[in-house]
Amino acid sequence: MRKVLLVISLLLATALTGPAHADDALYASLGERPGIQRIVDALAVLWLDDARIKDDFDNINMEHLKLRLVDQLCEVSGGPCHYKGRPMGPSHKGLHINQAKFDAVVEDLQTAMDQQGIPFRVQNRLLARLAPMERDIVTR
């Protein structure tokens, strides 16, 4: 009887609050917004320390970039956030990002996720969702 009441309660809660996001399991696995924020905070430190790409972040408002990145990773991972930044193509146009720099950014993201204890399979799921952006970011 308890299980039936629990199921009915969950169904009612879903009906009253609307459908859950299509796939928020990745979002939950990343630690939801607080976990994503920790990843992005660690990532920003890595980028500014990485000799391969740190100069590319000169004259960048890192706090603004971090806010946009948290929203973007939240949305891409199935969370309730909405990325309000510019599309990747226009955002990176004229920055002359080559494959080596793109790879450095991704490696640093993997390191940041490792530092936050994100399992390898979860990292791969996020990277798979981010991968299509490569064609808009790498411009040379």
N, C-alpha and C. Protein backbone atom coordinates (compact mmCIF):
# COMPACT_ATOMS: atom_id res chain seq x y z
N MET A 1 0.82 -1.20 0.00
CA MET A 1 0.00 0.00 0.00
C MET A 1 0.87 1.26 0.00
N ARG A 2 1.95 1.23 0.78
CA ARG A 2 2.85 2.39 0.84
C ARG A 2 3.45 2.69 -0.53
N LYS A 3 3.87 1.63 -1.25
CA LYS A 3 4.46 1.82 -2.57
C LYS A 3 3.45 2.43 -3.53
N VAL A 4 2.21 1.99 -3.45
CA VAL A 4 1.16 2.53 -4.31
C VAL A 4 0.95 4.01 -4.02
N LEU A 5 0.90 4.37 -2.75
CA LEU A 5 0.74 5.78 -2.38
C LEU A 5 1.93 6.62 -2.84
N LEU A 6 3.13 6.07 -2.73
CA LEU A 6 4.32 6.78 -3.18
C LEU A 6 4.27 7.01 -4.68
N VAL A 7 3.90 5.99 -5.44
CA VAL A 7 3.80 6.12 -6.89
C VAL A 7 2.74 7.15 -7.25
N ILE A 8 1.60 7.11 -6.61
CA ILE A 8 0.53 8.08 -6.88
C ILE A 8 1.01 9.49 -6.54
N SER A 9 1.70 9.65 -5.43
CA SER A 9 2.22 10.96 -5.03
C SER A 9 3.20 11.49 -6.06
N LEU A 10 4.10 10.61 -6.54
CA LEU A 10 5.07 11.03 -7.55
C LEU A 10 4.39 11.41 -8.86
N LEU A 11 3.39 10.64 -9.25
CA LEU A 11 2.66 10.96 -10.48
C LEU A 11 1.94 12.30 -10.36
N LEU A 12 1.33 12.53 -9.21
CA LEU A 12 0.65 13.81 -8.98
C LEU A 12 1.64 14.97 -8.98
N ALA A 13 2.77 14.77 -8.34
CA ALA A 13 3.78 15.84 -8.30
C ALA A 13 4.26 16.17 -9.71
N THR A 14 4.48 15.15 -10.52
CA THR A 14 4.90 15.38 -11.89
C THR A 14 3.81 16.09 -12.68
N ALA A 15 2.59 15.69 -12.49
CA ALA A 15 1.48 16.31 -13.21
C ALA A 15 1.32 17.78 -12.81
N LEU A 16 1.54 18.08 -11.55
CA LEU A 16 1.36 19.45 -11.08
C LEU A 16 2.52 20.36 -11.45
N THR A 17 3.73 19.79 -11.53
CA THR A 17 4.89 20.64 -11.81
C THR A 17 5.31 20.59 -13.27
N GLY A 18 4.67 19.77 -14.06
CA GLY A 18 5.03 19.65 -15.46
C GLY A 18 6.01 18.52 -15.66
N PRO A 19 6.30 18.17 -16.90
CA PRO A 19 7.18 17.05 -17.17
C PRO A 19 8.61 17.35 -16.76
N ALA A 20 9.32 16.32 -16.35
CA ALA A 20 10.73 16.48 -16.05
C ALA A 20 11.48 16.73 -17.35
N HIS A 21 12.65 17.33 -17.25
CA HIS A 21 13.46 17.55 -18.44
C HIS A 21 13.70 16.20 -19.10
N ALA A 22 13.81 16.21 -20.38
CA ALA A 22 13.90 14.98 -21.15
C ALA A 22 14.99 14.03 -20.65
N ASP A 23 16.15 14.55 -20.27
CA ASP A 23 17.22 13.68 -19.82
C ASP A 23 18.09 14.44 -18.83
N ASP A 24 17.66 14.46 -17.60
CA ASP A 24 18.42 15.20 -16.60
C ASP A 24 19.33 14.29 -15.78
N ALA A 25 19.50 13.02 -16.19
CA ALA A 25 20.37 12.10 -15.45
C ALA A 25 21.82 12.58 -15.51
N LEU A 26 22.25 13.09 -16.63
CA LEU A 26 23.62 13.60 -16.75
C LEU A 26 23.79 14.82 -15.84
N TYR A 27 22.82 15.69 -15.86
CA TYR A 27 22.82 16.88 -14.99
C TYR A 27 22.97 16.46 -13.53
N ALA A 28 22.22 15.48 -13.11
CA ALA A 28 22.31 14.99 -11.73
C ALA A 28 23.68 14.36 -11.47
N SER A 29 24.21 13.63 -12.43
CA SER A 29 25.51 12.98 -12.27
C SER A 29 26.65 13.98 -12.15
N LEU A 30 26.45 15.16 -12.71
CA LEU A 30 27.46 16.22 -12.61
C LEU A 30 27.34 17.00 -11.29
N GLY A 31 26.34 16.68 -10.51
CA GLY A 31 26.15 17.38 -9.24
C GLY A 31 25.20 18.56 -9.34
N GLU A 32 24.40 18.55 -10.40
CA GLU A 32 23.45 19.63 -10.67
C GLU A 32 24.20 20.96 -10.75
N ARG A 33 23.51 22.06 -10.58
CA ARG A 33 24.15 23.37 -10.77
C ARG A 33 25.34 23.59 -9.84
N PRO A 34 25.25 23.24 -8.55
CA PRO A 34 26.43 23.45 -7.68
C PRO A 34 27.65 22.64 -8.15
N GLY A 35 27.43 21.42 -8.62
CA GLY A 35 28.53 20.60 -9.11
C GLY A 35 29.13 21.18 -10.38
N ILE A 36 28.28 21.64 -11.28
CA ILE A 36 28.74 22.26 -12.52
C ILE A 36 29.51 23.53 -12.19
N GLN A 37 29.05 24.29 -11.22
CA GLN A 37 29.76 25.51 -10.81
C GLN A 37 31.16 25.18 -10.31
N ARG A 38 31.30 24.11 -9.54
CA ARG A 38 32.62 23.70 -9.05
C ARG A 38 33.53 23.28 -10.21
N ILE A 39 32.96 22.58 -11.17
CA ILE A 39 33.75 22.18 -12.35
C ILE A 39 34.23 23.42 -13.09
N VAL A 40 33.35 24.37 -13.32
CA VAL A 40 33.71 25.58 -14.06
C VAL A 40 34.72 26.41 -13.29
N ASP A 41 34.57 26.51 -11.99
CA ASP A 41 35.55 27.25 -11.18
C ASP A 41 36.94 26.62 -11.32
N ALA A 42 37.01 25.29 -11.23
CA ALA A 42 38.29 24.59 -11.39
C ALA A 42 38.82 24.77 -12.81
N LEU A 43 37.93 24.73 -13.78
CA LEU A 43 38.30 24.86 -15.17
C LEU A 43 38.92 26.23 -15.46
N ALA A 44 38.34 27.27 -14.92
CA ALA A 44 38.86 28.62 -15.15
C ALA A 44 40.29 28.74 -14.62
N VAL A 45 40.55 28.16 -13.47
CA VAL A 45 41.90 28.18 -12.91
C VAL A 45 42.87 27.45 -13.84
N LEU A 46 42.44 26.30 -14.34
CA LEU A 46 43.29 25.53 -15.25
C LEU A 46 43.58 26.29 -16.54
N TRP A 47 42.55 26.90 -17.12
CA TRP A 47 42.76 27.65 -18.35
C TRP A 47 43.76 28.79 -18.16
N LEU A 48 43.64 29.50 -17.05
CA LEU A 48 44.53 30.64 -16.82
C LEU A 48 45.94 30.20 -16.45
N ASP A 49 46.11 28.93 -16.14
CA ASP A 49 47.41 28.37 -15.80
C ASP A 49 48.04 27.59 -16.95
N ASP A 50 47.27 27.30 -17.97
CA ASP A 50 47.71 26.45 -19.08
C ASP A 50 48.48 27.30 -20.10
N ALA A 51 49.79 27.07 -20.19
CA ALA A 51 50.64 27.85 -21.09
C ALA A 51 50.17 27.78 -22.54
N ARG A 52 49.50 26.70 -22.92
CA ARG A 52 49.04 26.54 -24.30
C ARG A 52 47.93 27.51 -24.67
N ILE A 53 47.14 27.95 -23.69
CA ILE A 53 45.95 28.75 -24.01
C ILE A 53 45.74 29.98 -23.12
N LYS A 54 46.52 30.15 -22.07
CA LYS A 54 46.24 31.23 -21.11
C LYS A 54 46.19 32.61 -21.77
N ASP A 55 47.02 32.83 -22.80
CA ASP A 55 47.01 34.14 -23.46
C ASP A 55 45.70 34.41 -24.19
N ASP A 56 44.99 33.36 -24.55
CA ASP A 56 43.72 33.52 -25.25
C ASP A 56 42.63 34.07 -24.32
N PHE A 57 42.89 34.06 -23.03
CA PHE A 57 41.92 34.56 -22.07
C PHE A 57 42.26 35.96 -21.56
N ASP A 58 43.30 36.57 -22.14
CA ASP A 58 43.60 37.97 -21.82
C ASP A 58 42.41 38.82 -22.27
N ASN A 59 42.10 39.81 -21.52
CA ASN A 59 41.00 40.74 -21.83
C ASN A 59 39.63 40.07 -21.86
N ILE A 60 39.50 38.93 -21.20
CA ILE A 60 38.21 38.24 -21.10
C ILE A 60 37.69 38.45 -19.68
N ASN A 61 36.44 38.80 -19.57
CA ASN A 61 35.81 38.90 -18.25
C ASN A 61 35.51 37.48 -17.80
N MET A 62 36.42 36.93 -17.00
CA MET A 62 36.33 35.52 -16.63
C MET A 62 35.07 35.23 -15.80
N GLU A 63 34.65 36.15 -14.95
CA GLU A 63 33.43 35.91 -14.17
C GLU A 63 32.21 35.79 -15.07
N HIS A 64 32.14 36.65 -16.08
CA HIS A 64 31.03 36.58 -17.04
C HIS A 64 31.10 35.27 -17.83
N LEU A 65 32.29 34.92 -18.28
CA LEU A 65 32.47 33.68 -19.03
C LEU A 65 32.05 32.47 -18.18
N LYS A 66 32.43 32.47 -16.92
CA LYS A 66 32.08 31.35 -16.04
C LYS A 66 30.57 31.23 -15.87
N LEU A 67 29.88 32.36 -15.71
CA LEU A 67 28.42 32.33 -15.58
C LEU A 67 27.77 31.73 -16.82
N ARG A 68 28.22 32.16 -17.99
CA ARG A 68 27.66 31.65 -19.25
C ARG A 68 27.97 30.16 -19.41
N LEU A 69 29.19 29.77 -19.04
CA LEU A 69 29.58 28.37 -19.18
C LEU A 69 28.79 27.46 -18.24
N VAL A 70 28.53 27.93 -17.03
CA VAL A 70 27.70 27.14 -16.11
C VAL A 70 26.31 26.94 -16.71
N ASP A 71 25.72 28.01 -17.23
CA ASP A 71 24.40 27.89 -17.85
C ASP A 71 24.43 26.94 -19.05
N GLN A 72 25.48 27.05 -19.85
CA GLN A 72 25.57 26.21 -21.03
C GLN A 72 25.73 24.73 -20.66
N LEU A 73 26.62 24.43 -19.73
CA LEU A 73 26.82 23.04 -19.32
C LEU A 73 25.59 22.49 -18.62
N CYS A 74 24.92 23.34 -17.88
CA CYS A 74 23.68 22.94 -17.22
C CYS A 74 22.63 22.56 -18.27
N GLU A 75 22.45 23.39 -19.26
CA GLU A 75 21.46 23.11 -20.30
C GLU A 75 21.84 21.88 -21.13
N VAL A 76 23.09 21.81 -21.54
CA VAL A 76 23.55 20.70 -22.37
C VAL A 76 23.43 19.37 -21.64
N SER A 77 23.59 19.41 -20.32
CA SER A 77 23.52 18.17 -19.55
C SER A 77 22.10 17.78 -19.17
N GLY A 78 21.12 18.58 -19.58
CA GLY A 78 19.73 18.23 -19.32
C GLY A 78 19.13 18.93 -18.12
N GLY A 79 19.84 19.90 -17.58
CA GLY A 79 19.33 20.64 -16.42
C GLY A 79 18.31 21.70 -16.81
N PRO A 80 17.78 22.40 -15.82
CA PRO A 80 16.72 23.37 -16.06
C PRO A 80 17.21 24.75 -16.51
N CYS A 81 18.50 24.90 -16.70
CA CYS A 81 19.06 26.21 -17.06
C CYS A 81 18.84 26.51 -18.55
N HIS A 82 18.96 27.78 -18.86
CA HIS A 82 18.86 28.21 -20.26
C HIS A 82 20.05 29.09 -20.57
N TYR A 83 20.87 28.63 -21.50
CA TYR A 83 22.04 29.38 -21.94
C TYR A 83 21.56 30.60 -22.71
N LYS A 84 22.00 31.78 -22.28
CA LYS A 84 21.57 33.02 -22.91
C LYS A 84 22.70 33.72 -23.66
N GLY A 85 23.82 33.01 -23.79
CA GLY A 85 24.96 33.58 -24.50
C GLY A 85 24.80 33.47 -26.00
N ARG A 86 25.77 33.99 -26.69
CA ARG A 86 25.76 33.93 -28.15
C ARG A 86 26.06 32.51 -28.62
N PRO A 87 25.62 32.17 -29.82
CA PRO A 87 25.98 30.86 -30.38
C PRO A 87 27.50 30.72 -30.50
N MET A 88 27.97 29.50 -30.55
CA MET A 88 29.41 29.24 -30.55
C MET A 88 30.12 29.83 -31.76
N GLY A 89 29.52 29.74 -32.94
CA GLY A 89 30.17 30.29 -34.14
C GLY A 89 30.49 31.76 -34.01
N PRO A 90 29.47 32.61 -33.78
CA PRO A 90 29.74 34.04 -33.63
C PRO A 90 30.64 34.37 -32.43
N SER A 91 30.53 33.60 -31.37
CA SER A 91 31.35 33.86 -30.18
C SER A 91 32.84 33.63 -30.43
N HIS A 92 33.14 32.72 -31.34
CA HIS A 92 34.54 32.36 -31.56
C HIS A 92 35.09 32.86 -32.89
N LYS A 93 34.25 33.52 -33.66
CA LYS A 93 34.68 34.05 -34.97
C LYS A 93 35.82 35.04 -34.78
N GLY A 94 36.84 34.87 -35.58
CA GLY A 94 37.97 35.78 -35.53
C GLY A 94 38.97 35.49 -34.42
N LEU A 95 38.72 34.47 -33.61
CA LEU A 95 39.65 34.15 -32.53
C LEU A 95 40.77 33.22 -33.00
N HIS A 96 40.64 32.69 -34.20
CA HIS A 96 41.67 31.83 -34.80
C HIS A 96 42.04 30.66 -33.90
N ILE A 97 41.04 29.97 -33.42
CA ILE A 97 41.27 28.81 -32.56
C ILE A 97 41.58 27.61 -33.43
N ASN A 98 42.74 27.03 -33.18
CA ASN A 98 43.14 25.85 -33.95
C ASN A 98 42.82 24.59 -33.15
N GLN A 99 43.06 23.45 -33.76
CA GLN A 99 42.73 22.18 -33.12
C GLN A 99 43.52 21.97 -31.83
N ALA A 100 44.77 22.37 -31.80
CA ALA A 100 45.60 22.19 -30.61
C ALA A 100 45.03 22.97 -29.42
N LYS A 101 44.59 24.19 -29.67
CA LYS A 101 44.01 25.00 -28.59
C LYS A 101 42.67 24.41 -28.13
N PHE A 102 41.88 23.97 -29.08
CA PHE A 102 40.62 23.34 -28.73
C PHE A 102 40.86 22.10 -27.87
N ASP A 103 41.82 21.29 -28.28
CA ASP A 103 42.14 20.08 -27.53
C ASP A 103 42.62 20.42 -26.11
N ALA A 104 43.38 21.50 -25.97
CA ALA A 104 43.85 21.93 -24.65
C ALA A 104 42.67 22.30 -23.75
N VAL A 105 41.71 23.00 -24.31
CA VAL A 105 40.51 23.39 -23.55
C VAL A 105 39.76 22.14 -23.08
N VAL A 106 39.62 21.17 -23.96
CA VAL A 106 38.92 19.93 -23.62
C VAL A 106 39.71 19.14 -22.56
N GLU A 107 41.02 19.05 -22.73
CA GLU A 107 41.84 18.35 -21.74
C GLU A 107 41.69 18.99 -20.36
N ASP A 108 41.67 20.32 -20.32
CA ASP A 108 41.50 21.01 -19.05
C ASP A 108 40.11 20.74 -18.46
N LEU A 109 39.10 20.64 -19.31
CA LEU A 109 37.77 20.29 -18.82
C LEU A 109 37.79 18.90 -18.20
N GLN A 110 38.45 17.97 -18.85
CA GLN A 110 38.55 16.63 -18.29
C GLN A 110 39.28 16.64 -16.94
N THR A 111 40.34 17.41 -16.85
CA THR A 111 41.09 17.52 -15.59
C THR A 111 40.21 18.12 -14.50
N ALA A 112 39.46 19.16 -14.84
CA ALA A 112 38.56 19.79 -13.86
C ALA A 112 37.51 18.79 -13.37
N MET A 113 36.98 17.99 -14.29
CA MET A 113 35.99 16.99 -13.88
C MET A 113 36.64 15.91 -13.02
N ASP A 114 37.87 15.51 -13.37
CA ASP A 114 38.61 14.55 -12.53
C ASP A 114 38.77 15.11 -11.12
N GLN A 115 39.17 16.38 -11.03
CA GLN A 115 39.38 17.02 -9.73
C GLN A 115 38.11 17.03 -8.89
N GLN A 116 36.97 17.07 -9.55
CA GLN A 116 35.69 17.10 -8.84
C GLN A 116 35.10 15.71 -8.64
N GLY A 117 35.85 14.69 -9.01
CA GLY A 117 35.40 13.32 -8.79
C GLY A 117 34.31 12.84 -9.72
N ILE A 118 34.21 13.44 -10.90
CA ILE A 118 33.20 13.03 -11.87
C ILE A 118 33.68 11.74 -12.55
N PRO A 119 32.88 10.68 -12.50
CA PRO A 119 33.30 9.41 -13.11
C PRO A 119 33.56 9.56 -14.61
N PHE A 120 34.50 8.76 -15.11
CA PHE A 120 34.92 8.80 -16.51
C PHE A 120 33.74 8.65 -17.47
N ARG A 121 32.82 7.73 -17.19
CA ARG A 121 31.69 7.51 -18.09
C ARG A 121 30.78 8.74 -18.14
N VAL A 122 30.66 9.46 -17.03
CA VAL A 122 29.85 10.69 -16.99
C VAL A 122 30.56 11.78 -17.79
N GLN A 123 31.87 11.86 -17.64
CA GLN A 123 32.65 12.82 -18.43
C GLN A 123 32.44 12.58 -19.91
N ASN A 124 32.50 11.32 -20.31
CA ASN A 124 32.33 10.98 -21.72
C ASN A 124 30.95 11.38 -22.23
N ARG A 125 29.93 11.21 -21.42
CA ARG A 125 28.58 11.59 -21.83
C ARG A 125 28.49 13.09 -22.06
N LEU A 126 29.10 13.88 -21.17
CA LEU A 126 29.09 15.33 -21.35
C LEU A 126 29.90 15.71 -22.59
N LEU A 127 31.08 15.15 -22.73
CA LEU A 127 31.92 15.48 -23.89
C LEU A 127 31.23 15.12 -25.20
N ALA A 128 30.49 14.04 -25.22
CA ALA A 128 29.76 13.65 -26.44
C ALA A 128 28.70 14.70 -26.79
N ARG A 129 28.10 15.29 -25.79
CA ARG A 129 27.09 16.33 -26.07
C ARG A 129 27.73 17.64 -26.50
N LEU A 130 28.95 17.88 -26.04
CA LEU A 130 29.65 19.12 -26.40
C LEU A 130 30.37 19.01 -27.74
N ALA A 131 30.69 17.79 -28.16
CA ALA A 131 31.50 17.56 -29.37
C ALA A 131 31.00 18.28 -30.62
N PRO A 132 29.70 18.35 -30.89
CA PRO A 132 29.26 19.03 -32.11
C PRO A 132 29.65 20.51 -32.17
N MET A 133 29.97 21.11 -31.04
CA MET A 133 30.35 22.52 -31.01
C MET A 133 31.73 22.75 -31.63
N GLU A 134 32.52 21.68 -31.72
CA GLU A 134 33.89 21.81 -32.23
C GLU A 134 33.93 22.50 -33.59
N ARG A 135 33.03 22.13 -34.47
CA ARG A 135 33.05 22.70 -35.83
C ARG A 135 32.77 24.20 -35.83
N ASP A 136 32.11 24.71 -34.80
CA ASP A 136 31.84 26.14 -34.72
C ASP A 136 32.96 26.90 -34.01
N ILE A 137 33.80 26.18 -33.28
CA ILE A 137 34.84 26.82 -32.48
C ILE A 137 36.19 26.81 -33.16
N VAL A 138 36.57 25.68 -33.76
CA VAL A 138 37.85 25.57 -34.44
C VAL A 138 37.71 26.25 -35.80
N THR A 139 38.48 27.32 -35.97
CA THR A 139 38.33 28.12 -37.19
C THR A 139 39.57 28.12 -38.06
N ARG A 140 40.64 27.45 -37.64
CA ARG A 140 41.83 27.36 -38.50
C ARG A 140 42.62 26.12 -38.20
